[in-house]
């Protein structure tokens, strides 16, 4: 349903681009930083520029996908400014048109 295109692998501060890929059933996406909704995206490109400030504190970044009826249908999360696993992957399977 939703995955981050932008993976923050190092220290994150200041203005940064945030991008997600969504499935066809997604109507809108909310971007949430540390539990606070900071932006709403309603169409492609599913991206924005966000200023994380100058503080290098750990942060939780979430993208929440909603369908046309307003129901949550997916969520992606990543932690910023914390050590990460040596490797990770996310896959979004999209159906093709026949």
PDB file of N, CA and C in Angstrom:
ATOM      1  N   UNK A   1       0.805  -1.199   0.000  1.00  0.00           N
ATOM      2  CA  UNK A   1       0.000   0.000   0.000  1.00  0.00           C
ATOM      3  C   UNK A   1       0.850   1.266   0.000  1.00  0.00           C
ATOM      4  N   UNK A   2       1.931   1.290   0.850  1.00  0.00           N
ATOM      5  CA  UNK A   2       2.772   2.481   0.943  1.00  0.00           C
ATOM      6  C   UNK A   2       4.165   2.092   1.424  1.00  0.00           C
ATOM      7  N   UNK A   3       5.188   2.656   0.801  1.00  0.00           N
ATOM      8  CA  UNK A   3       6.576   2.473   1.229  1.00  0.00           C
ATOM      9  C   UNK A   3       7.327   3.779   1.007  1.00  0.00           C
ATOM     10  N   UNK A   4       8.357   3.985   1.815  1.00  0.00           N
ATOM     11  CA  UNK A   4       9.210   5.156   1.631  1.00  0.00           C
ATOM     12  C   UNK A   4      10.156   4.923   0.461  1.00  0.00           C
ATOM     13  N   UNK A   5      10.277   5.919  -0.410  1.00  0.00           N
ATOM     14  CA  UNK A   5      11.316   5.939  -1.426  1.00  0.00           C
ATOM     15  C   UNK A   5      12.570   6.519  -0.783  1.00  0.00           C
ATOM     16  N   UNK A   6      12.386   7.507   0.072  1.00  0.00           N
ATOM     17  CA  UNK A   6      13.472   8.162   0.775  1.00  0.00           C
ATOM     18  C   UNK A   6      13.785   7.376   2.040  1.00  0.00           C
ATOM     19  N   UNK A   7      14.974   6.787   2.096  1.00  0.00           N
ATOM     20  CA  UNK A   7      15.444   6.110   3.301  1.00  0.00           C
ATOM     21  C   UNK A   7      16.580   6.934   3.879  1.00  0.00           C
ATOM     22  N   UNK A   8      16.414   7.379   5.108  1.00  0.00           N
ATOM     23  CA  UNK A   8      17.416   8.206   5.765  1.00  0.00           C
ATOM     24  C   UNK A   8      18.395   7.295   6.490  1.00  0.00           C
ATOM     25  N   UNK A   9      19.610   7.204   5.961  1.00  0.00           N
ATOM     26  CA  UNK A   9      20.593   6.265   6.486  1.00  0.00           C
ATOM     27  C   UNK A   9      21.640   6.918   7.366  1.00  0.00           C
ATOM     28  N   UNK A  10      21.760   8.223   7.335  1.00  0.00           N
ATOM     29  CA  UNK A  10      22.741   8.937   8.150  1.00  0.00           C
ATOM     30  C   UNK A  10      22.040   9.892   9.099  1.00  0.00           C
ATOM     31  N   UNK A  11      22.771  10.882   9.571  1.00  0.00           N
ATOM     32  CA  UNK A  11      22.184  11.894  10.435  1.00  0.00           C
ATOM     33  C   UNK A  11      21.294  12.810   9.603  1.00  0.00           C
ATOM     34  N   UNK A  12      20.140  13.145  10.163  1.00  0.00           N
ATOM     35  CA  UNK A  12      19.138  13.914   9.430  1.00  0.00           C
ATOM     36  C   UNK A  12      18.829  15.197  10.193  1.00  0.00           C
ATOM     37  N   UNK A  13      18.989  16.335   9.495  1.00  0.00           N
ATOM     38  CA  UNK A  13      18.596  17.629  10.050  1.00  0.00           C
ATOM     39  C   UNK A  13      18.388  18.583   8.896  1.00  0.00           C
ATOM     40  N   UNK A  14      17.763  19.719   9.177  1.00  0.00           N
ATOM     41  CA  UNK A  14      17.516  20.714   8.146  1.00  0.00           C
ATOM     42  C   UNK A  14      16.483  20.251   7.126  1.00  0.00           C
ATOM     43  N   UNK A  15      16.349  21.002   6.033  1.00  0.00           N
ATOM     44  CA  UNK A  15      15.361  20.658   5.004  1.00  0.00           C
ATOM     45  C   UNK A  15      15.726  19.349   4.294  1.00  0.00           C
ATOM     46  N   UNK A  16      14.750  18.465   4.154  1.00  0.00           N
ATOM     47  CA  UNK A  16      14.950  17.164   3.509  1.00  0.00           C
ATOM     48  C   UNK A  16      13.735  16.847   2.651  1.00  0.00           C
ATOM     49  N   UNK A  17      13.966  16.158   1.561  1.00  0.00           N
ATOM     50  CA  UNK A  17      12.883  15.677   0.706  1.00  0.00           C
ATOM     51  C   UNK A  17      12.391  14.336   1.251  1.00  0.00           C
ATOM     52  N   UNK A  18      11.079  14.161   1.302  1.00  0.00           N
ATOM     53  CA  UNK A  18      10.453  12.904   1.740  1.00  0.00           C
ATOM     54  C   UNK A  18       9.558  12.438   0.605  1.00  0.00           C
ATOM     55  N   UNK A  19       9.761  11.197   0.156  1.00  0.00           N
ATOM     56  CA  UNK A  19       8.959  10.640  -0.937  1.00  0.00           C
ATOM     57  C   UNK A  19       8.464   9.249  -0.572  1.00  0.00           C
ATOM     58  N   UNK A  20       7.242   8.939  -1.021  1.00  0.00           N
ATOM     59  CA  UNK A  20       6.671   7.608  -0.835  1.00  0.00           C
ATOM     60  C   UNK A  20       6.104   7.124  -2.169  1.00  0.00           C
ATOM     61  N   UNK A  21       5.954   5.812  -2.274  1.00  0.00           N
ATOM     62  CA  UNK A  21       5.236   5.188  -3.383  1.00  0.00           C
ATOM     63  C   UNK A  21       3.993   4.559  -2.778  1.00  0.00           C
ATOM     64  N   UNK A  22       2.856   4.728  -3.457  1.00  0.00           N
ATOM     65  CA  UNK A  22       1.595   4.210  -2.927  1.00  0.00           C
ATOM     66  C   UNK A  22       0.908   3.323  -3.962  1.00  0.00           C
ATOM     67  N   UNK A  23       0.011   2.472  -3.479  1.00  0.00           N
ATOM     68  CA  UNK A  23      -0.807   1.645  -4.351  1.00  0.00           C
ATOM     69  C   UNK A  23      -1.936   2.462  -4.962  1.00  0.00           C
ATOM     70  N   UNK A  24      -2.567   1.886  -5.980  1.00  0.00           N
ATOM     71  CA  UNK A  24      -3.636   2.582  -6.703  1.00  0.00           C
ATOM     72  C   UNK A  24      -4.836   2.941  -5.828  1.00  0.00           C
ATOM     73  N   UNK A  25      -5.064   2.191  -4.754  1.00  0.00           N
ATOM     74  CA  UNK A  25      -6.230   2.423  -3.908  1.00  0.00           C
ATOM     75  C   UNK A  25      -6.042   3.574  -2.919  1.00  0.00           C
ATOM     76  N   UNK A  26      -4.837   4.158  -2.857  1.00  0.00           N
ATOM     77  CA  UNK A  26      -4.553   5.245  -1.912  1.00  0.00           C
ATOM     78  C   UNK A  26      -5.092   6.563  -2.454  1.00  0.00           C
ATOM     79  N   UNK A  27      -5.860   7.262  -1.602  1.00  0.00           N
ATOM     80  CA  UNK A  27      -6.455   8.540  -1.952  1.00  0.00           C
ATOM     81  C   UNK A  27      -5.647   9.716  -1.402  1.00  0.00           C
ATOM     82  N   UNK A  28      -5.075   9.530  -0.200  1.00  0.00           N
ATOM     83  CA  UNK A  28      -4.266  10.585   0.415  1.00  0.00           C
ATOM     84  C   UNK A  28      -3.285   9.966   1.395  1.00  0.00           C
ATOM     85  N   UNK A  29      -2.236  10.726   1.716  1.00  0.00           N
ATOM     86  CA  UNK A  29      -1.192  10.276   2.631  1.00  0.00           C
ATOM     87  C   UNK A  29      -0.942  11.367   3.654  1.00  0.00           C
ATOM     88  N   UNK A  30      -0.887  10.990   4.907  1.00  0.00           N
ATOM     89  CA  UNK A  30      -0.480  11.913   5.959  1.00  0.00           C
ATOM     90  C   UNK A  30       0.962  11.612   6.341  1.00  0.00           C
ATOM     91  N   UNK A  31       1.775  12.665   6.462  1.00  0.00           N
ATOM     92  CA  UNK A  31       3.148  12.537   6.937  1.00  0.00           C
ATOM     93  C   UNK A  31       3.153  12.961   8.402  1.00  0.00           C
ATOM     94  N   UNK A  32       3.691  12.098   9.245  1.00  0.00           N
ATOM     95  CA  UNK A  32       3.669  12.304  10.695  1.00  0.00           C
ATOM     96  C   UNK A  32       5.107  12.251  11.215  1.00  0.00           C
ATOM     97  N   UNK A  33       5.516  13.268  11.978  1.00  0.00           N
ATOM     98  CA  UNK A  33       6.837  13.314  12.588  1.00  0.00           C
ATOM     99  C   UNK A  33       6.644  13.375  14.096  1.00  0.00           C
ATOM    100  N   UNK A  34       7.202  12.403  14.792  1.00  0.00           N
ATOM    101  CA  UNK A  34       7.106  12.329  16.261  1.00  0.00           C
ATOM    102  C   UNK A  34       5.661  12.422  16.750  1.00  0.00           C
ATOM    103  N   UNK A  35       4.751  11.768  16.025  1.00  0.00           N
ATOM    104  CA  UNK A  35       3.355  11.712  16.433  1.00  0.00           C
ATOM    105  C   UNK A  35       2.505  12.900  16.012  1.00  0.00           C
ATOM    106  N   UNK A  36       3.100  13.905  15.362  1.00  0.00           N
ATOM    107  CA  UNK A  36       2.353  15.084  14.935  1.00  0.00           C
ATOM    108  C   UNK A  36       2.225  15.094  13.416  1.00  0.00           C
ATOM    109  N   UNK A  37       0.998  15.266  12.920  1.00  0.00           N
ATOM    110  CA  UNK A  37       0.781  15.352  11.473  1.00  0.00           C
ATOM    111  C   UNK A  37       1.371  16.658  10.973  1.00  0.00           C
ATOM    112  N   UNK A  38       2.305  16.550  10.026  1.00  0.00           N
ATOM    113  CA  UNK A  38       2.985  17.742   9.521  1.00  0.00           C
ATOM    114  C   UNK A  38       2.605  18.070   8.085  1.00  0.00           C
ATOM    115  N   UNK A  39       2.025  17.114   7.356  1.00  0.00           N
ATOM    116  CA  UNK A  39       1.645  17.371   5.964  1.00  0.00           C
ATOM    117  C   UNK A  39       0.626  16.335   5.514  1.00  0.00           C
ATOM    118  N   UNK A  40      -0.132  16.715   4.480  1.00  0.00           N
ATOM    119  CA  UNK A  40      -1.061  15.799   3.825  1.00  0.00           C
ATOM    120  C   UNK A  40      -0.813  15.890   2.324  1.00  0.00           C
ATOM    121  N   UNK A  41      -0.643  14.732   1.695  1.00  0.00           N
ATOM    122  CA  UNK A  41      -0.424  14.651   0.255  1.00  0.00           C
ATOM    123  C   UNK A  41      -1.653  14.035  -0.373  1.00  0.00           C
ATOM    124  N   UNK A  42      -2.134  14.636  -1.470  1.00  0.00           N
ATOM    125  CA  UNK A  42      -3.377  14.172  -2.077  1.00  0.00           C
ATOM    126  C   UNK A  42      -3.208  13.641  -3.494  1.00  0.00           C
ATOM    127  N   UNK A  43      -1.997  13.745  -4.049  1.00  0.00           N
ATOM    128  CA  UNK A  43      -1.782  13.217  -5.391  1.00  0.00           C
ATOM    129  C   UNK A  43      -0.290  13.159  -5.699  1.00  0.00           C
ATOM    130  N   UNK A  44       0.033  12.572  -6.850  1.00  0.00           N
ATOM    131  CA  UNK A  44       1.421  12.451  -7.265  1.00  0.00           C
ATOM    132  C   UNK A  44       1.958  13.818  -7.670  1.00  0.00           C
ATOM    133  N   UNK A  45       3.218  14.109  -7.461  1.00  0.00           N
ATOM    134  CA  UNK A  45       4.174  13.177  -6.856  1.00  0.00           C
ATOM    135  C   UNK A  45       3.956  13.130  -5.342  1.00  0.00           C
ATOM    136  N   UNK A  46       4.026  11.975  -4.791  1.00  0.00           N
ATOM    137  CA  UNK A  46       3.794  11.775  -3.363  1.00  0.00           C
ATOM    138  C   UNK A  46       5.072  12.148  -2.618  1.00  0.00           C
ATOM    139  N   UNK A  47       5.368  13.453  -2.576  1.00  0.00           N
ATOM    140  CA  UNK A  47       6.600  13.904  -1.932  1.00  0.00           C
ATOM    141  C   UNK A  47       6.431  15.328  -1.412  1.00  0.00           C
ATOM    142  N   UNK A  48       7.337  15.704  -0.526  1.00  0.00           N
ATOM    143  CA  UNK A  48       7.349  17.049   0.033  1.00  0.00           C
ATOM    144  C   UNK A  48       8.726  17.357   0.570  1.00  0.00           C
ATOM    145  N   UNK A  49       8.974  18.606   0.853  1.00  0.00           N
ATOM    146  CA  UNK A  49      10.188  19.059   1.521  1.00  0.00           C
ATOM    147  C   UNK A  49       9.801  19.399   2.952  1.00  0.00           C
ATOM    148  N   UNK A  50      10.550  18.860   3.925  1.00  0.00           N
ATOM    149  CA  UNK A  50      10.246  19.121   5.336  1.00  0.00           C
ATOM    150  C   UNK A  50      11.529  19.528   6.046  1.00  0.00           C
ATOM    151  N   UNK A  51      11.448  20.537   6.910  1.00  0.00           N
ATOM    152  CA  UNK A  51      12.604  20.994   7.676  1.00  0.00           C
ATOM    153  C   UNK A  51      12.598  20.304   9.033  1.00  0.00           C
ATOM    154  N   UNK A  52      13.570  19.433   9.256  1.00  0.00           N
ATOM    155  CA  UNK A  52      13.684  18.707  10.517  1.00  0.00           C
ATOM    156  C   UNK A  52      14.378  19.521  11.596  1.00  0.00           C
ATOM    157  N   UNK A  53      14.775  20.754  11.297  1.00  0.00           N
ATOM    158  CA  UNK A  53      15.431  21.602  12.279  1.00  0.00           C
ATOM    159  C   UNK A  53      16.900  21.240  12.438  1.00  0.00           C
ATOM    160  N   UNK A  54      17.567  21.866  13.393  1.00  0.00           N
ATOM    161  CA  UNK A  54      19.002  21.666  13.594  1.00  0.00           C
ATOM    162  C   UNK A  54      19.322  20.649  14.690  1.00  0.00           C
ATOM    163  N   UNK A  55      18.325  20.160  15.408  1.00  0.00           N
ATOM    164  CA  UNK A  55      18.521  19.207  16.496  1.00  0.00           C
ATOM    165  C   UNK A  55      18.705  17.800  15.918  1.00  0.00           C
ATOM    166  N   UNK A  56      19.724  17.088  16.377  1.00  0.00           N
ATOM    167  CA  UNK A  56      19.989  15.725  15.894  1.00  0.00           C
ATOM    168  C   UNK A  56      19.336  14.658  16.779  1.00  0.00           C
ATOM    169  N   UNK A  57      18.237  14.980  17.421  1.00  0.00           N
ATOM    170  CA  UNK A  57      17.535  14.034  18.276  1.00  0.00           C
ATOM    171  C   UNK A  57      16.891  12.926  17.448  1.00  0.00           C
ATOM    172  N   UNK A  58      16.716  11.740  18.039  1.00  0.00           N
ATOM    173  CA  UNK A  58      15.986  10.676  17.333  1.00  0.00           C
ATOM    174  C   UNK A  58      14.569  11.142  17.011  1.00  0.00           C
ATOM    175  N   UNK A  59      14.100  10.760  15.823  1.00  0.00           N
ATOM    176  CA  UNK A  59      12.756  11.132  15.372  1.00  0.00           C
ATOM    177  C   UNK A  59      12.092   9.932  14.725  1.00  0.00           C
ATOM    178  N   UNK A  60      10.775   9.875  14.876  1.00  0.00           N
ATOM    179  CA  UNK A  60       9.986   8.848  14.200  1.00  0.00           C
ATOM    180  C   UNK A  60       9.261   9.507  13.033  1.00  0.00           C
ATOM    181  N   UNK A  61       9.456   8.953  11.827  1.00  0.00           N
ATOM    182  CA  UNK A  61       8.809   9.450  10.622  1.00  0.00           C
ATOM    183  C   UNK A  61       7.846   8.387  10.126  1.00  0.00           C
ATOM    184  N   UNK A  62       6.580   8.774   9.941  1.00  0.00           N
ATOM    185  CA  UNK A  62       5.559   7.848   9.450  1.00  0.00           C
ATOM    186  C   UNK A  62       4.844   8.434   8.247  1.00  0.00           C
ATOM    187  N   UNK A  63       4.425   7.564   7.362  1.00  0.00           N
ATOM    188  CA  UNK A  63       3.549   7.920   6.253  1.00  0.00           C
ATOM    189  C   UNK A  63       2.329   7.013   6.372  1.00  0.00           C
ATOM    190  N   UNK A  64       1.158   7.599   6.465  1.00  0.00           N
ATOM    191  CA  UNK A  64      -0.081   6.851   6.673  1.00  0.00           C
ATOM    192  C   UNK A  64      -0.963   7.027   5.446  1.00  0.00           C
ATOM    193  N   UNK A  65      -1.350   5.900   4.825  1.00  0.00           N
ATOM    194  CA  UNK A  65      -2.163   5.922   3.611  1.00  0.00           C
ATOM    195  C   UNK A  65      -3.635   5.720   3.959  1.00  0.00           C
ATOM    196  N   UNK A  66      -4.504   6.479   3.263  1.00  0.00           N
ATOM    197  CA  UNK A  66      -5.947   6.387   3.462  1.00  0.00           C
ATOM    198  C   UNK A  66      -6.630   6.161   2.120  1.00  0.00           C
ATOM    199  N   UNK A  67      -7.742   5.434   2.141  1.00  0.00           N
ATOM    200  CA  UNK A  67      -8.526   5.248   0.914  1.00  0.00           C
ATOM    201  C   UNK A  67      -9.521   6.398   0.760  1.00  0.00           C
ATOM    202  N   UNK A  68     -10.346   6.338  -0.267  1.00  0.00           N
ATOM    203  CA  UNK A  68     -11.298   7.420  -0.570  1.00  0.00           C
ATOM    204  C   UNK A  68     -12.344   7.602   0.522  1.00  0.00           C
ATOM    205  N   UNK A  69     -12.593   6.550   1.316  1.00  0.00           N
ATOM    206  CA  UNK A  69     -13.569   6.646   2.413  1.00  0.00           C
ATOM    207  C   UNK A  69     -12.942   7.138   3.709  1.00  0.00           C
ATOM    208  N   UNK A  70     -11.634   7.407   3.695  1.00  0.00           N
ATOM    209  CA  UNK A  70     -10.962   7.903   4.892  1.00  0.00           C
ATOM    210  C   UNK A  70     -10.463   6.820   5.816  1.00  0.00           C
ATOM    211  N   UNK A  71     -10.513   5.563   5.386  1.00  0.00           N
ATOM    212  CA  UNK A  71     -10.033   4.451   6.203  1.00  0.00           C
ATOM    213  C   UNK A  71      -8.529   4.277   6.008  1.00  0.00           C
ATOM    214  N   UNK A  72      -7.804   4.062   7.116  1.00  0.00           N
ATOM    215  CA  UNK A  72      -6.375   3.794   7.011  1.00  0.00           C
ATOM    216  C   UNK A  72      -6.169   2.441   6.334  1.00  0.00           C
ATOM    217  N   UNK A  73      -5.307   2.414   5.308  1.00  0.00           N
ATOM    218  CA  UNK A  73      -5.068   1.165   4.585  1.00  0.00           C
ATOM    219  C   UNK A  73      -3.593   0.781   4.548  1.00  0.00           C
ATOM    220  N   UNK A  74      -2.728   1.586   5.125  1.00  0.00           N
ATOM    221  CA  UNK A  74      -1.316   1.244   5.160  1.00  0.00           C
ATOM    222  C   UNK A  74      -0.526   2.264   5.939  1.00  0.00           C
ATOM    223  N   UNK A  75       0.650   1.808   6.407  1.00  0.00           N
ATOM    224  CA  UNK A  75       1.505   2.679   7.210  1.00  0.00           C
ATOM    225  C   UNK A  75       2.951   2.250   6.996  1.00  0.00           C
ATOM    226  N   UNK A  76       3.824   3.236   6.804  1.00  0.00           N
ATOM    227  CA  UNK A  76       5.261   2.985   6.718  1.00  0.00           C
ATOM    228  C   UNK A  76       5.931   3.834   7.794  1.00  0.00           C
ATOM    229  N   UNK A  77       6.997   3.284   8.385  1.00  0.00           N
ATOM    230  CA  UNK A  77       7.653   3.982   9.497  1.00  0.00           C
ATOM    231  C   UNK A  77       9.157   3.813   9.368  1.00  0.00           C
ATOM    232  N   UNK A  78       9.869   4.861   9.732  1.00  0.00           N
ATOM    233  CA  UNK A  78      11.313   4.751   9.880  1.00  0.00           C
ATOM    234  C   UNK A  78      11.780   5.688  10.984  1.00  0.00           C
ATOM    235  N   UNK A  79      12.838   5.249  11.658  1.00  0.00           N
ATOM    236  CA  UNK A  79      13.435   6.052  12.715  1.00  0.00           C
ATOM    237  C   UNK A  79      14.619   6.803  12.148  1.00  0.00           C
ATOM    238  N   UNK A  80      14.762   8.068  12.544  1.00  0.00           N
ATOM    239  CA  UNK A  80      15.846   8.912  12.088  1.00  0.00           C
ATOM    240  C   UNK A  80      16.816   9.164  13.237  1.00  0.00           C
ATOM    241  N   UNK A  81      18.093   9.307  12.899  1.00  0.00           N
ATOM    242  CA  UNK A  81      19.150   9.637  13.855  1.00  0.00           C
ATOM    243  C   UNK A  81      19.343   8.564  14.921  1.00  0.00           C
ATOM    244  N   UNK A  82      19.111   7.318  14.531  1.00  0.00           N
ATOM    245  CA  UNK A  82      19.395   6.160  15.373  1.00  0.00           C
ATOM    246  C   UNK A  82      20.159   5.144  14.528  1.00  0.00           C
ATOM    247  N   UNK A  83      20.977   4.287  15.162  1.00  0.00           N
ATOM    248  CA  UNK A  83      21.645   3.246  14.373  1.00  0.00           C
ATOM    249  C   UNK A  83      20.607   2.362  13.690  1.00  0.00           C
ATOM    250  N   UNK A  84      20.918   1.927  12.458  1.00  0.00           N
ATOM    251  CA  UNK A  84      20.000   1.091  11.676  1.00  0.00           C
ATOM    252  C   UNK A  84      20.569  -0.313  11.543  1.00  0.00           C
ATOM    253  N   UNK A  85      19.701  -1.209  11.126  1.00  0.00           N
ATOM    254  CA  UNK A  85      20.132  -2.571  10.827  1.00  0.00           C
ATOM    255  C   UNK A  85      21.108  -2.533   9.647  1.00  0.00           C
ATOM    256  N   UNK A  86      21.990  -3.524   9.521  1.00  0.00           N
ATOM    257  CA  UNK A  86      22.944  -3.526   8.410  1.00  0.00           C
ATOM    258  C   UNK A  86      22.274  -3.557   7.035  1.00  0.00           C
ATOM    259  N   UNK A  87      21.076  -4.104   6.951  1.00  0.00           N
ATOM    260  CA  UNK A  87      20.362  -4.155   5.667  1.00  0.00           C
ATOM    261  C   UNK A  87      18.867  -4.202   5.929  1.00  0.00           C
ATOM    262  N   UNK A  88      18.101  -3.633   4.995  1.00  0.00           N
ATOM    263  CA  UNK A  88      16.651  -3.724   5.075  1.00  0.00           C
ATOM    264  C   UNK A  88      16.086  -3.558   3.682  1.00  0.00           C
ATOM    265  N   UNK A  89      14.885  -4.031   3.501  1.00  0.00           N
ATOM    266  CA  UNK A  89      14.232  -3.922   2.192  1.00  0.00           C
ATOM    267  C   UNK A  89      12.734  -3.804   2.398  1.00  0.00           C
ATOM    268  N   UNK A  90      12.071  -3.147   1.455  1.00  0.00           N
ATOM    269  CA  UNK A  90      10.614  -3.055   1.438  1.00  0.00           C
ATOM    270  C   UNK A  90      10.169  -3.284   0.006  1.00  0.00           C
ATOM    271  N   UNK A  91       9.072  -4.011  -0.146  1.00  0.00           N
ATOM    272  CA  UNK A  91       8.557  -4.329  -1.470  1.00  0.00           C
ATOM    273  C   UNK A  91       7.100  -3.920  -1.533  1.00  0.00           C
ATOM    274  N   UNK A  92       6.729  -3.224  -2.599  1.00  0.00           N
ATOM    275  CA  UNK A  92       5.339  -2.868  -2.841  1.00  0.00           C
ATOM    276  C   UNK A  92       4.936  -3.551  -4.143  1.00  0.00           C
ATOM    277  N   UNK A  93       3.985  -4.486  -4.052  1.00  0.00           N
ATOM    278  CA  UNK A  93       3.537  -5.221  -5.227  1.00  0.00           C
ATOM    279  C   UNK A  93       2.328  -4.484  -5.805  1.00  0.00           C
ATOM    280  N   UNK A  94       2.419  -4.128  -7.092  1.00  0.00           N
ATOM    281  CA  UNK A  94       1.330  -3.424  -7.760  1.00  0.00           C
ATOM    282  C   UNK A  94       0.836  -4.292  -8.897  1.00  0.00           C
ATOM    283  N   UNK A  95      -0.468  -4.421  -9.017  1.00  0.00           N
ATOM    284  CA  UNK A  95      -1.059  -5.208 -10.093  1.00  0.00           C
ATOM    285  C   UNK A  95      -0.961  -4.487 -11.423  1.00  0.00           C
ATOM    286  N   UNK A  96      -0.719  -5.257 -12.463  1.00  0.00           N
ATOM    287  CA  UNK A  96      -0.643  -4.690 -13.805  1.00  0.00           C
ATOM    288  C   UNK A  96      -2.010  -4.693 -14.453  1.00  0.00           C
ATOM    289  N   UNK A  97      -2.160  -3.909 -15.506  1.00  0.00           N
ATOM    290  CA  UNK A  97      -3.421  -3.867 -16.243  1.00  0.00           C
ATOM    291  C   UNK A  97      -3.335  -4.854 -17.383  1.00  0.00           C
ATOM    292  N   UNK A  98      -4.390  -5.636 -17.580  1.00  0.00           N
ATOM    293  CA  UNK A  98      -4.401  -6.650 -18.640  1.00  0.00           C
ATOM    294  C   UNK A  98      -4.880  -6.073 -19.940  1.00  0.00           C
TER     295      UNK A  98
END
